[in-house]
Structures are given as structure tokens and as C-alpha cells.
Amino acid sequence: MTAPEGRGIAGHEFDGSTFRILHVSTGNVCRSPITERLTRHALSDRLGDPRGGGLIVESAGTWGHEGAPMEANAELVLADFGADPTGFVGRELLDEHVIRADLVLTATRDHRAQVISMGHSAGLRTFTLKEFTRLVRAIDPATLPDPLGANGTVDRARALVRAAAALRGWLLAPSAEADEVNDPYGAPITFFRSIGDEINQALDPVVTALTGVPTRR
């Protein structure tokens, strides 16, 4: 079982030297901005490369607040982790975002269903964040390409998505809620921080698997 390669539209050709990760939530002002910027921060920290070693991380919302800044509490959460919240602009999820993405990670199962319903052969490369984390934990890292190879991080990421897609029907969630990240929109900072911790914990094994570099304790 293989996952589709990333494809481009509107003048964007497929570039085998990069791998696009798209985080999706509802408004693209809370969960997906937090997840996008925490992913970028973790990749930079593990790889020592602010460009993410060829991994491009973006986000959008199924009912995205186009042009909006992220919520102030989301910025505070990112600051807690030392991640950079600056320059963020909300986006509504478009076909081109899904088409160009090599991996789509959503906040909830409903978001995942909405992405898949857009078509573009998205099914094998779209997961909820927590679903992908669960599947990644079951993959032997020794079976993935060496991240130190010529195109290692990108090749490793593509192999990881294929392996996760192959496991999906065999490794089920203990409950439907286990694959969800709740929406903190309008909630106090304490709830935002709990969601930030939840997202960060889910991202840790994913970034480790993508880079082959464990968390720096």
C-alpha cells in the first residue's frame, strides 16, 4: 500500500526535495496555528535547521478566518513552549492546500472527513493528529529511510505516511474521543494551555519519527 505523492496546481510543480505537512482545524485561529508553530519549532530544534530539513509546515481551517491573526491565548501557549507566533495569518482550507499536502493532520475526525470529501486522493495521507501519533508509535523506526541520507528527512517522511496508512485498519483507537483535540475557542487561558500540552505530547513522537532525532531532555 502506497500513499500518493504530493502534487501541485496553479503553477506549483511537485518538488521531490520537500514534504508538506498541513494542519487543519475549524477556524485556523486556535488549534491548527498552535500545531503548525509547535511542529516548526520542534523540527528546528531537532534538526538545527530553521527551514525544517525540507519539511514545510502549514495550516488552514475548514471554516477558516481568512486573513485573521491567531487567538491571543494561542499566542501565549506558543510562547510557553518557546515557539514563534509572529506573522501568522489565518486561511480557509482550499483544494490547492489539500492537493499540495503530503500529510494532512486534523484536529478531529470531522475535519478529517471534510478533507477526504474534497477528493484529490487525500484518504491515504489524511489522519487526525492523535490517530497519526498512535500509528507512528507502532512503526519500527529501523524500517524507515536514514534521515541522514541525501534526501533523507523527506524520504523518511514519505515512508512514514505510507506505513501509517497501511496500519490504519489494524490499529484502532480505544474510543472515538481518543482521536479528538477539543476546540479551546473562547475558553480561558488555562484550557488553552491544557490543549497546548495535549498537542505537544501528540507531536513529540511524530517529530521524532520524522527526523530520527529524539526530544532533547
C-alpha atoms as a PDB file:
ATOM      1  CA  MET A   1       0.000   0.000   0.000  1.00  0.00           C
ATOM      2  CA  THR A   2       1.460   3.351  -1.038  1.00  0.00           C
ATOM      3  CA  ALA A   3       0.457   6.899  -0.273  1.00  0.00           C
ATOM      4  CA  PRO A   4       0.055   9.378  -3.143  1.00  0.00           C
ATOM      5  CA  GLU A   5       2.928  11.684  -3.849  1.00  0.00           C
ATOM      6  CA  GLY A   6       2.343  15.393  -3.321  1.00  0.00           C
ATOM      7  CA  ARG A   7       1.066  17.165  -6.435  1.00  0.00           C
ATOM      8  CA  GLY A   8       0.908  20.785  -7.465  1.00  0.00           C
ATOM      9  CA  ILE A   9      -1.566  23.112  -9.184  1.00  0.00           C
ATOM     10  CA  ALA A  10      -1.634  26.710 -10.349  1.00  0.00           C
ATOM     11  CA  GLY A  11       1.983  26.597 -11.464  1.00  0.00           C
ATOM     12  CA  HIS A  12       3.264  24.658  -8.450  1.00  0.00           C
ATOM     13  CA  GLU A  13       5.116  21.582  -9.659  1.00  0.00           C
ATOM     14  CA  PHE A  14       5.787  18.604  -7.443  1.00  0.00           C
ATOM     15  CA  ASP A  15       9.162  19.000  -5.776  1.00  0.00           C
ATOM     16  CA  GLY A  16      10.609  15.732  -4.505  1.00  0.00           C
ATOM     17  CA  SER A  17      13.026  17.638  -2.263  1.00  0.00           C
ATOM     18  CA  THR A  18      10.245  18.932   0.006  1.00  0.00           C
ATOM     19  CA  PHE A  19       7.432  17.405   2.061  1.00  0.00           C
ATOM     20  CA  ARG A  20       4.374  19.470   3.020  1.00  0.00           C
ATOM     21  CA  ILE A  21       2.535  18.949   6.306  1.00  0.00           C
ATOM     22  CA  LEU A  22      -0.881  20.619   6.544  1.00  0.00           C
ATOM     23  CA  HIS A  23      -2.602  21.042   9.922  1.00  0.00           C
ATOM     24  CA  VAL A  24      -6.370  21.538   9.770  1.00  0.00           C
ATOM     25  CA  SER A  25      -8.914  22.727  12.336  1.00  0.00           C
ATOM     26  CA  THR A  26     -12.115  24.783  12.080  1.00  0.00           C
ATOM     27  CA  GLY A  27     -11.276  28.491  12.233  1.00  0.00           C
ATOM     28  CA  ASN A  28      -7.480  28.285  11.815  1.00  0.00           C
ATOM     29  CA  VAL A  29      -7.063  30.624  14.769  1.00  0.00           C
ATOM     30  CA  CYS A  30      -6.555  28.207  17.707  1.00  0.00           C
ATOM     31  CA  ARG A  31      -5.709  24.521  17.303  1.00  0.00           C
ATOM     32  CA  SER A  32      -4.109  24.421  13.856  1.00  0.00           C
ATOM     33  CA  PRO A  33      -1.937  27.543  14.407  1.00  0.00           C
ATOM     34  CA  ILE A  34      -0.700  26.066  17.687  1.00  0.00           C
ATOM     35  CA  THR A  35       0.020  22.746  15.973  1.00  0.00           C
ATOM     36  CA  GLU A  36       1.684  24.393  12.975  1.00  0.00           C
ATOM     37  CA  ARG A  37       4.031  26.538  15.029  1.00  0.00           C
ATOM     38  CA  LEU A  38       4.836  23.787  17.567  1.00  0.00           C
ATOM     39  CA  THR A  39       5.716  21.474  14.675  1.00  0.00           C
ATOM     40  CA  ARG A  40       8.008  24.074  13.125  1.00  0.00           C
ATOM     41  CA  HIS A  41       9.626  24.758  16.474  1.00  0.00           C
ATOM     42  CA  ALA A  42      10.221  21.061  17.159  1.00  0.00           C
ATOM     43  CA  LEU A  43      11.669  20.424  13.693  1.00  0.00           C
ATOM     44  CA  SER A  44      14.028  23.366  14.014  1.00  0.00           C
ATOM     45  CA  ASP A  45      15.097  22.213  17.477  1.00  0.00           C
ATOM     46  CA  ARG A  46      15.727  18.602  16.424  1.00  0.00           C
ATOM     47  CA  LEU A  47      17.390  19.332  13.099  1.00  0.00           C
ATOM     48  CA  GLY A  48      19.174  22.589  13.913  1.00  0.00           C
ATOM     49  CA  ASP A  49      17.653  23.882  10.687  1.00  0.00           C
ATOM     50  CA  PRO A  50      15.041  26.672  10.803  1.00  0.00           C
ATOM     51  CA  ARG A  51      13.834  25.533   7.379  1.00  0.00           C
ATOM     52  CA  GLY A  52      12.836  22.132   8.778  1.00  0.00           C
ATOM     53  CA  GLY A  53      15.106  19.966   6.632  1.00  0.00           C
ATOM     54  CA  GLY A  54      12.796  20.165   3.616  1.00  0.00           C
ATOM     55  CA  LEU A  55       9.614  19.695   5.690  1.00  0.00           C
ATOM     56  CA  ILE A  56       7.208  22.575   5.056  1.00  0.00           C
ATOM     57  CA  VAL A  57       4.545  23.072   7.741  1.00  0.00           C
ATOM     58  CA  GLU A  58       1.318  24.977   7.081  1.00  0.00           C
ATOM     59  CA  SER A  59      -2.254  25.174   8.383  1.00  0.00           C
ATOM     60  CA  ALA A  60      -5.788  26.075   7.298  1.00  0.00           C
ATOM     61  CA  GLY A  61      -9.352  25.889   8.589  1.00  0.00           C
ATOM     62  CA  THR A  62     -12.469  24.224   7.215  1.00  0.00           C
ATOM     63  CA  TRP A  63     -14.281  27.447   8.162  1.00  0.00           C
ATOM     64  CA  GLY A  64     -11.080  29.435   8.219  1.00  0.00           C
ATOM     65  CA  HIS A  65     -10.993  33.062   9.291  1.00  0.00           C
ATOM     66  CA  GLU A  66      -9.200  34.237   6.168  1.00  0.00           C
ATOM     67  CA  GLY A  67      -6.574  36.858   6.995  1.00  0.00           C
ATOM     68  CA  ALA A  68      -7.225  36.741  10.747  1.00  0.00           C
ATOM     69  CA  PRO A  69      -4.492  36.571  13.400  1.00  0.00           C
ATOM     70  CA  MET A  70      -4.404  33.623  15.754  1.00  0.00           C
ATOM     71  CA  GLU A  71      -6.203  33.948  19.069  1.00  0.00           C
ATOM     72  CA  ALA A  72      -4.247  35.826  21.743  1.00  0.00           C
ATOM     73  CA  ASN A  73      -4.399  32.817  24.069  1.00  0.00           C
ATOM     74  CA  ALA A  74      -2.940  30.648  21.306  1.00  0.00           C
ATOM     75  CA  GLU A  75      -0.013  33.069  21.086  1.00  0.00           C
ATOM     76  CA  LEU A  76       0.502  32.775  24.848  1.00  0.00           C
ATOM     77  CA  VAL A  77       0.531  28.980  24.616  1.00  0.00           C
ATOM     78  CA  LEU A  78       3.185  29.091  21.897  1.00  0.00           C
ATOM     79  CA  ALA A  79       5.277  31.455  23.997  1.00  0.00           C
ATOM     80  CA  ASP A  80       5.122  28.898  26.830  1.00  0.00           C
ATOM     81  CA  PHE A  81       6.927  26.440  24.541  1.00  0.00           C
ATOM     82  CA  GLY A  82       9.351  28.969  23.106  1.00  0.00           C
ATOM     83  CA  ALA A  83       7.674  28.756  19.686  1.00  0.00           C
ATOM     84  CA  ASP A  84       7.273  31.770  17.430  1.00  0.00           C
ATOM     85  CA  PRO A  85       3.681  33.031  16.934  1.00  0.00           C
ATOM     86  CA  THR A  86       4.599  36.057  14.811  1.00  0.00           C
ATOM     87  CA  GLY A  87       3.421  36.647  11.265  1.00  0.00           C
ATOM     88  CA  PHE A  88       0.586  34.145  11.359  1.00  0.00           C
ATOM     89  CA  VAL A  89      -2.377  34.742   9.012  1.00  0.00           C
ATOM     90  CA  GLY A  90      -5.476  32.545   9.050  1.00  0.00           C
ATOM     91  CA  ARG A  91      -6.527  30.696   5.892  1.00  0.00           C
ATOM     92  CA  GLU A  92      -9.655  28.984   4.671  1.00  0.00           C
ATOM     93  CA  LEU A  93      -8.958  25.423   3.513  1.00  0.00           C
ATOM     94  CA  LEU A  94      -8.833  25.283  -0.284  1.00  0.00           C
ATOM     95  CA  ASP A  95      -8.437  22.490  -2.796  1.00  0.00           C
ATOM     96  CA  GLU A  96      -4.901  23.611  -3.581  1.00  0.00           C
ATOM     97  CA  HIS A  97      -3.847  23.188   0.064  1.00  0.00           C
ATOM     98  CA  VAL A  98      -5.008  19.571   0.083  1.00  0.00           C
ATOM     99  CA  ILE A  99      -3.550  18.833  -3.333  1.00  0.00           C
ATOM    100  CA  ARG A 100      -0.104  20.120  -2.380  1.00  0.00           C
ATOM    101  CA  ALA A 101      -0.009  18.425   1.041  1.00  0.00           C
ATOM    102  CA  ASP A 102       1.924  15.192   1.512  1.00  0.00           C
ATOM    103  CA  LEU A 103       0.448  14.731   5.002  1.00  0.00           C
ATOM    104  CA  VAL A 104      -2.737  16.279   6.406  1.00  0.00           C
ATOM    105  CA  LEU A 105      -3.189  16.178  10.184  1.00  0.00           C
ATOM    106  CA  THR A 106      -6.561  17.311  11.516  1.00  0.00           C
ATOM    107  CA  ALA A 107      -7.829  18.220  14.965  1.00  0.00           C
ATOM    108  CA  THR A 108     -10.915  15.973  14.797  1.00  0.00           C
ATOM    109  CA  ARG A 109     -12.450  13.112  12.838  1.00  0.00           C
ATOM    110  CA  ASP A 110     -14.972  15.527  11.352  1.00  0.00           C
ATOM    111  CA  HIS A 111     -12.162  17.659   9.952  1.00  0.00           C
ATOM    112  CA  ARG A 112     -10.559  14.516   8.531  1.00  0.00           C
ATOM    113  CA  ALA A 113     -13.833  13.562   6.844  1.00  0.00           C
ATOM    114  CA  GLN A 114     -14.163  17.055   5.373  1.00  0.00           C
ATOM    115  CA  VAL A 115     -10.658  16.935   3.930  1.00  0.00           C
ATOM    116  CA  ILE A 116     -11.211  13.489   2.430  1.00  0.00           C
ATOM    117  CA  SER A 117     -14.574  14.591   0.963  1.00  0.00           C
ATOM    118  CA  MET A 118     -12.706  17.217  -1.067  1.00  0.00           C
ATOM    119  CA  GLY A 119     -11.184  14.390  -3.102  1.00  0.00           C
ATOM    120  CA  HIS A 120      -7.672  14.714  -4.539  1.00  0.00           C
ATOM    121  CA  SER A 121      -6.792  11.168  -3.358  1.00  0.00           C
ATOM    122  CA  ALA A 122      -6.446  12.569   0.156  1.00  0.00           C
ATOM    123  CA  GLY A 123      -7.629   9.492   2.064  1.00  0.00           C
ATOM    124  CA  LEU A 124      -4.280   7.740   2.465  1.00  0.00           C
ATOM    125  CA  ARG A 125      -2.467  10.885   3.621  1.00  0.00           C
ATOM    126  CA  THR A 126      -5.076  12.398   5.941  1.00  0.00           C
ATOM    127  CA  PHE A 127      -5.259  11.490   9.638  1.00  0.00           C
ATOM    128  CA  THR A 128      -6.289  13.140  12.843  1.00  0.00           C
ATOM    129  CA  LEU A 129      -3.189  14.236  14.751  1.00  0.00           C
ATOM    130  CA  LYS A 130      -3.795  11.770  17.575  1.00  0.00           C
ATOM    131  CA  GLU A 131      -4.583   8.958  15.142  1.00  0.00           C
ATOM    132  CA  PHE A 132      -1.301   9.548  13.343  1.00  0.00           C
ATOM    133  CA  THR A 133       0.550   9.605  16.672  1.00  0.00           C
ATOM    134  CA  ARG A 134      -0.943   6.247  17.631  1.00  0.00           C
ATOM    135  CA  LEU A 135       0.028   4.682  14.308  1.00  0.00           C
ATOM    136  CA  VAL A 136       3.536   6.185  14.341  1.00  0.00           C
ATOM    137  CA  ARG A 137       4.211   4.670  17.763  1.00  0.00           C
ATOM    138  CA  ALA A 138       3.648   1.220  16.235  1.00  0.00           C
ATOM    139  CA  ILE A 139       6.130   1.712  13.367  1.00  0.00           C
ATOM    140  CA  ASP A 140       9.654   0.372  13.798  1.00  0.00           C
ATOM    141  CA  PRO A 141      11.948   3.341  13.024  1.00  0.00           C
ATOM    142  CA  ALA A 142      14.554   0.904  11.709  1.00  0.00           C
ATOM    143  CA  THR A 143      12.244   0.241   8.741  1.00  0.00           C
ATOM    144  CA  LEU A 144      12.319   3.910   7.685  1.00  0.00           C
ATOM    145  CA  PRO A 145      14.952   5.557   5.455  1.00  0.00           C
ATOM    146  CA  ASP A 146      18.025   7.002   7.123  1.00  0.00           C
ATOM    147  CA  PRO A 147      17.322  10.689   7.829  1.00  0.00           C
ATOM    148  CA  LEU A 148      20.982  11.467   7.171  1.00  0.00           C
ATOM    149  CA  GLY A 149      20.753  10.399   3.529  1.00  0.00           C
ATOM    150  CA  ALA A 150      20.850  12.843   0.592  1.00  0.00           C
ATOM    151  CA  ASN A 151      17.077  13.403   0.724  1.00  0.00           C
ATOM    152  CA  GLY A 152      16.717  11.537   3.986  1.00  0.00           C
ATOM    153  CA  THR A 153      14.217  13.552   6.020  1.00  0.00           C
ATOM    154  CA  VAL A 154      11.825  13.923   3.091  1.00  0.00           C
ATOM    155  CA  ASP A 155      12.142  10.268   2.029  1.00  0.00           C
ATOM    156  CA  ARG A 156      11.663   9.223   5.643  1.00  0.00           C
ATOM    157  CA  ALA A 157       8.505  11.338   5.925  1.00  0.00           C
ATOM    158  CA  ARG A 158       7.008   9.789   2.786  1.00  0.00           C
ATOM    159  CA  ALA A 159       7.765   6.285   4.047  1.00  0.00           C
ATOM    160  CA  LEU A 160       6.261   7.115   7.432  1.00  0.00           C
ATOM    161  CA  VAL A 161       2.956   8.184   5.838  1.00  0.00           C
ATOM    162  CA  ARG A 162       2.810   5.000   3.763  1.00  0.00           C
ATOM    163  CA  ALA A 163       3.479   2.844   6.814  1.00  0.00           C
ATOM    164  CA  ALA A 164       0.859   4.666   8.892  1.00  0.00           C
ATOM    165  CA  ALA A 165      -1.752   4.323   6.139  1.00  0.00           C
ATOM    166  CA  ALA A 166      -1.102   0.582   5.959  1.00  0.00           C
ATOM    167  CA  LEU A 167      -1.637   0.222   9.724  1.00  0.00           C
ATOM    168  CA  ARG A 168      -4.816   2.273   9.999  1.00  0.00           C
ATOM    169  CA  GLY A 169      -7.293  -0.586   9.656  1.00  0.00           C
ATOM    170  CA  TRP A 170      -5.389  -2.758  12.124  1.00  0.00           C
ATOM    171  CA  LEU A 171      -4.639  -0.397  14.982  1.00  0.00           C
ATOM    172  CA  LEU A 172      -7.887   1.150  16.179  1.00  0.00           C
ATOM    173  CA  ALA A 173      -8.463   3.878  18.759  1.00  0.00           C
ATOM    174  CA  PRO A 174      -9.681   2.757  22.211  1.00  0.00           C
ATOM    175  CA  SER A 175     -12.567   5.225  21.798  1.00  0.00           C
ATOM    176  CA  ALA A 176     -13.771   7.750  19.249  1.00  0.00           C
ATOM    177  CA  GLU A 177     -12.810  10.607  21.554  1.00  0.00           C
ATOM    178  CA  ALA A 178      -9.221   9.357  21.732  1.00  0.00           C
ATOM    179  CA  ASP A 179      -8.589  10.785  18.260  1.00  0.00           C
ATOM    180  CA  GLU A 180     -10.000  14.254  19.007  1.00  0.00           C
ATOM    181  CA  VAL A 181      -8.422  17.548  20.083  1.00  0.00           C
ATOM    182  CA  ASN A 182     -11.140  19.738  21.603  1.00  0.00           C
ATOM    183  CA  ASP A 183     -11.689  23.312  20.479  1.00  0.00           C
ATOM    184  CA  PRO A 184     -10.488  25.921  23.023  1.00  0.00           C
ATOM    185  CA  TYR A 185     -12.019  28.867  21.128  1.00  0.00           C
ATOM    186  CA  GLY A 186     -13.400  31.346  23.654  1.00  0.00           C
ATOM    187  CA  ALA A 187     -12.050  29.380  26.620  1.00  0.00           C
ATOM    188  CA  PRO A 188      -9.772  30.759  29.358  1.00  0.00           C
ATOM    189  CA  ILE A 189      -6.010  30.503  29.101  1.00  0.00           C
ATOM    190  CA  THR A 190      -5.936  27.508  31.445  1.00  0.00           C
ATOM    191  CA  PHE A 191      -7.903  25.442  28.927  1.00  0.00           C
ATOM    192  CA  PHE A 192      -5.780  26.717  26.064  1.00  0.00           C
ATOM    193  CA  ARG A 193      -2.682  25.586  27.939  1.00  0.00           C
ATOM    194  CA  SER A 194      -4.149  22.116  28.507  1.00  0.00           C
ATOM    195  CA  ILE A 195      -4.860  21.850  24.769  1.00  0.00           C
ATOM    196  CA  GLY A 196      -1.343  23.075  24.012  1.00  0.00           C
ATOM    197  CA  ASP A 197       0.111  20.378  26.246  1.00  0.00           C
ATOM    198  CA  GLU A 198      -2.106  17.784  24.561  1.00  0.00           C
ATOM    199  CA  ILE A 199      -0.987  18.853  21.100  1.00  0.00           C
ATOM    200  CA  ASN A 200       2.676  18.995  22.109  1.00  0.00           C
ATOM    201  CA  GLN A 201       2.549  15.472  23.568  1.00  0.00           C
ATOM    202  CA  ALA A 202       0.911  14.166  20.401  1.00  0.00           C
ATOM    203  CA  LEU A 203       3.503  15.866  18.200  1.00  0.00           C
ATOM    204  CA  ASP A 204       6.564  14.590  20.077  1.00  0.00           C
ATOM    205  CA  PRO A 205       6.598  11.005  18.713  1.00  0.00           C
ATOM    206  CA  VAL A 206       5.619  12.261  15.265  1.00  0.00           C
ATOM    207  CA  VAL A 207       8.548  14.679  15.053  1.00  0.00           C
ATOM    208  CA  THR A 208      10.875  12.016  16.458  1.00  0.00           C
ATOM    209  CA  ALA A 209       9.749   9.587  13.760  1.00  0.00           C
ATOM    210  CA  LEU A 210      10.050  12.208  11.016  1.00  0.00           C
ATOM    211  CA  THR A 211      13.552  13.303  11.964  1.00  0.00           C
ATOM    212  CA  GLY A 212      15.032  10.267  13.690  1.00  0.00           C
ATOM    213  CA  VAL A 213      16.065  12.640  16.497  1.00  0.00           C
ATOM    214  CA  PRO A 214      14.550  12.175  19.965  1.00  0.00           C
ATOM    215  CA  THR A 215      13.424  15.004  22.216  1.00  0.00           C
ATOM    216  CA  ARG A 216      16.196  16.934  23.901  1.00  0.00           C
ATOM    217  CA  ARG A 217      15.533  16.497  27.615  1.00  0.00           C
END
